Amino acid sequence: MARGGDPKAGPEPLIHHELCFGCGRANLFGLLAELRPADGGGVAGRCFLKQDHQGPERGVAHPGIVAAALVEAMALAGGDGLRGIEIEFEAPAPVGTFLQLEASRDAATARAGGELVARARASYG
């Protein structure tokens, strides 16, 4: 796993590789997630929900985009060998906002505007 980003922003963001859909800096169609090691383990950071991320409901991010962000966060927290995920969607995630992510290897949450949008649990095997 590589690191990249602005050194003035604290620890550099974690990335799998430059073209990764979730965290790659060169994949302009992706999430461009900025996730850094969090105090006490895991990762924390954000991604911007672009207009291109809309789903069936106008102005709201596609649930698959939110799911991809949660999986990306768990993967960067050390979750290699993912076998399955369980996701509970709590509220819509409006496009044009940042999705705040927190994750450990086994679980993740996503918030928009301070409101819980979704939570996920991972299984490995």
Protein backbone atom coordinates (compact mmCIF):
# COMPACT_ATOMS: atom_id res chain seq x y z
CA MET A 1 0.00 0.00 0.00
CA ALA A 2 1.37 3.40 -0.93
CA ARG A 3 0.94 6.76 0.69
CA GLY A 4 0.27 10.06 -1.02
CA GLY A 5 -1.04 13.53 -0.34
CA ASP A 6 -0.24 16.87 1.24
CA PRO A 7 2.24 16.52 4.13
CA LYS A 8 0.77 19.66 5.75
CA ALA A 9 -2.52 17.80 6.32
CA GLY A 10 -1.02 15.41 8.89
CA PRO A 11 -0.31 11.77 8.07
CA GLU A 12 -0.46 11.12 4.35
CA PRO A 13 -3.60 9.48 2.98
CA LEU A 14 -3.41 5.72 2.50
CA ILE A 15 -3.83 4.44 -1.06
CA HIS A 16 -3.81 1.01 -2.71
CA HIS A 17 -2.49 2.37 -6.01
CA GLU A 18 -3.04 5.46 -8.15
CA LEU A 19 -5.88 3.99 -10.24
CA CYS A 20 -7.84 2.37 -7.39
CA PHE A 21 -11.53 3.33 -7.70
CA GLY A 22 -11.79 4.04 -3.98
CA CYS A 23 -8.56 5.83 -3.10
CA GLY A 24 -6.50 6.35 -6.25
CA ARG A 25 -5.48 9.94 -6.91
CA ALA A 26 -5.34 9.45 -10.69
CA ASN A 27 -8.79 7.87 -11.05
CA LEU A 28 -10.99 10.92 -11.62
CA PHE A 29 -14.08 8.71 -11.98
CA GLY A 30 -13.49 7.17 -8.55
CA LEU A 31 -14.17 8.26 -5.00
CA LEU A 32 -10.77 9.92 -4.39
CA ALA A 33 -11.17 8.93 -0.74
CA GLU A 34 -8.73 10.58 1.64
CA LEU A 35 -8.30 8.12 4.51
CA ARG A 36 -5.60 8.38 7.14
CA PRO A 37 -4.62 6.26 10.13
CA ALA A 38 -6.85 7.16 13.09
CA ASP A 39 -5.91 7.48 16.73
CA GLY A 40 -6.42 4.13 18.41
CA GLY A 41 -6.24 2.18 15.13
CA GLY A 42 -8.36 1.99 12.03
CA VAL A 43 -8.76 4.82 9.54
CA ALA A 44 -10.78 8.02 9.23
CA GLY A 45 -11.31 10.49 6.43
CA ARG A 46 -13.69 11.54 3.71
CA CYS A 47 -14.68 11.44 0.08
CA PHE A 48 -16.71 13.94 -1.92
CA LEU A 49 -20.01 12.78 -3.37
CA LYS A 50 -20.00 14.14 -6.92
CA GLN A 51 -22.97 14.74 -9.21
CA ASP A 52 -21.78 11.72 -11.21
CA HIS A 53 -22.42 9.55 -8.11
CA GLN A 54 -26.22 10.00 -8.22
CA GLY A 55 -28.46 6.99 -8.08
CA PRO A 56 -32.12 6.52 -8.92
CA GLU A 57 -33.13 9.39 -6.62
CA ARG A 58 -32.03 12.74 -8.07
CA GLY A 59 -29.59 14.58 -5.80
CA VAL A 60 -28.76 11.51 -3.71
CA ALA A 61 -25.68 9.31 -4.01
CA HIS A 62 -26.24 5.79 -5.35
CA PRO A 63 -26.22 3.28 -2.46
CA GLY A 64 -23.47 1.37 -4.29
CA ILE A 65 -21.20 4.43 -4.06
CA VAL A 66 -21.75 4.59 -0.30
CA ALA A 67 -21.11 0.84 -0.07
CA ALA A 68 -17.88 1.19 -2.07
CA ALA A 69 -16.69 3.95 0.28
CA LEU A 70 -17.37 1.77 3.34
CA VAL A 71 -15.57 -1.23 1.81
CA GLU A 72 -12.62 0.97 0.81
CA ALA A 73 -12.30 2.29 4.36
CA MET A 74 -12.34 -1.22 5.87
CA ALA A 75 -9.80 -2.43 3.30
CA LEU A 76 -7.42 0.42 4.13
CA ALA A 77 -7.88 -0.36 7.83
CA GLY A 78 -6.28 -3.74 7.14
CA GLY A 79 -9.15 -5.85 5.86
CA ASP A 80 -7.49 -8.18 3.36
CA GLY A 81 -9.43 -11.22 2.15
CA LEU A 82 -12.94 -9.73 2.38
CA ARG A 83 -15.58 -12.42 1.98
CA GLY A 84 -18.80 -10.54 2.63
CA ILE A 85 -20.35 -7.31 3.86
CA GLU A 86 -23.57 -6.38 5.59
CA ILE A 87 -24.68 -2.78 5.16
CA GLU A 88 -27.50 -0.89 6.85
CA PHE A 89 -28.52 2.32 5.11
CA GLU A 90 -29.89 4.83 7.60
CA ALA A 91 -30.38 8.03 5.57
CA PRO A 92 -29.80 9.36 2.05
CA ALA A 93 -26.36 10.80 1.24
CA PRO A 94 -26.78 14.02 -0.74
CA VAL A 95 -24.43 14.65 -3.65
CA GLY A 96 -22.34 17.79 -3.38
CA THR A 97 -21.30 16.93 0.20
CA PHE A 98 -18.46 15.12 1.91
CA LEU A 99 -19.03 11.60 3.17
CA GLN A 100 -17.14 11.24 6.47
CA LEU A 101 -15.77 7.73 6.99
CA GLU A 102 -14.49 5.87 10.04
CA ALA A 103 -13.45 2.24 9.90
CA SER A 104 -11.70 -0.65 11.53
CA ARG A 105 -10.94 -3.92 9.76
CA ASP A 106 -14.36 -5.27 10.74
CA ALA A 107 -16.76 -2.31 10.70
CA ALA A 108 -17.27 1.14 9.18
CA THR A 109 -19.62 4.11 9.36
CA ALA A 110 -20.43 6.86 6.87
CA ARG A 111 -21.89 10.26 7.79
CA ALA A 112 -22.99 13.25 5.73
CA GLY A 113 -23.59 16.59 7.43
CA GLY A 114 -23.14 14.87 10.79
CA GLU A 115 -25.99 12.42 10.13
CA LEU A 116 -25.37 8.68 10.03
CA VAL A 117 -25.88 7.53 6.43
CA ALA A 118 -24.77 3.89 6.64
CA ARG A 119 -22.89 1.34 8.68
CA ALA A 120 -21.17 -1.83 7.52
CA ARG A 121 -19.76 -5.03 8.95
CA ALA A 122 -17.27 -7.22 7.16
CA SER A 123 -16.59 -10.95 7.25
CA TYR A 124 -13.34 -12.58 6.18
CA GLY A 125 -12.43 -16.07 5.23
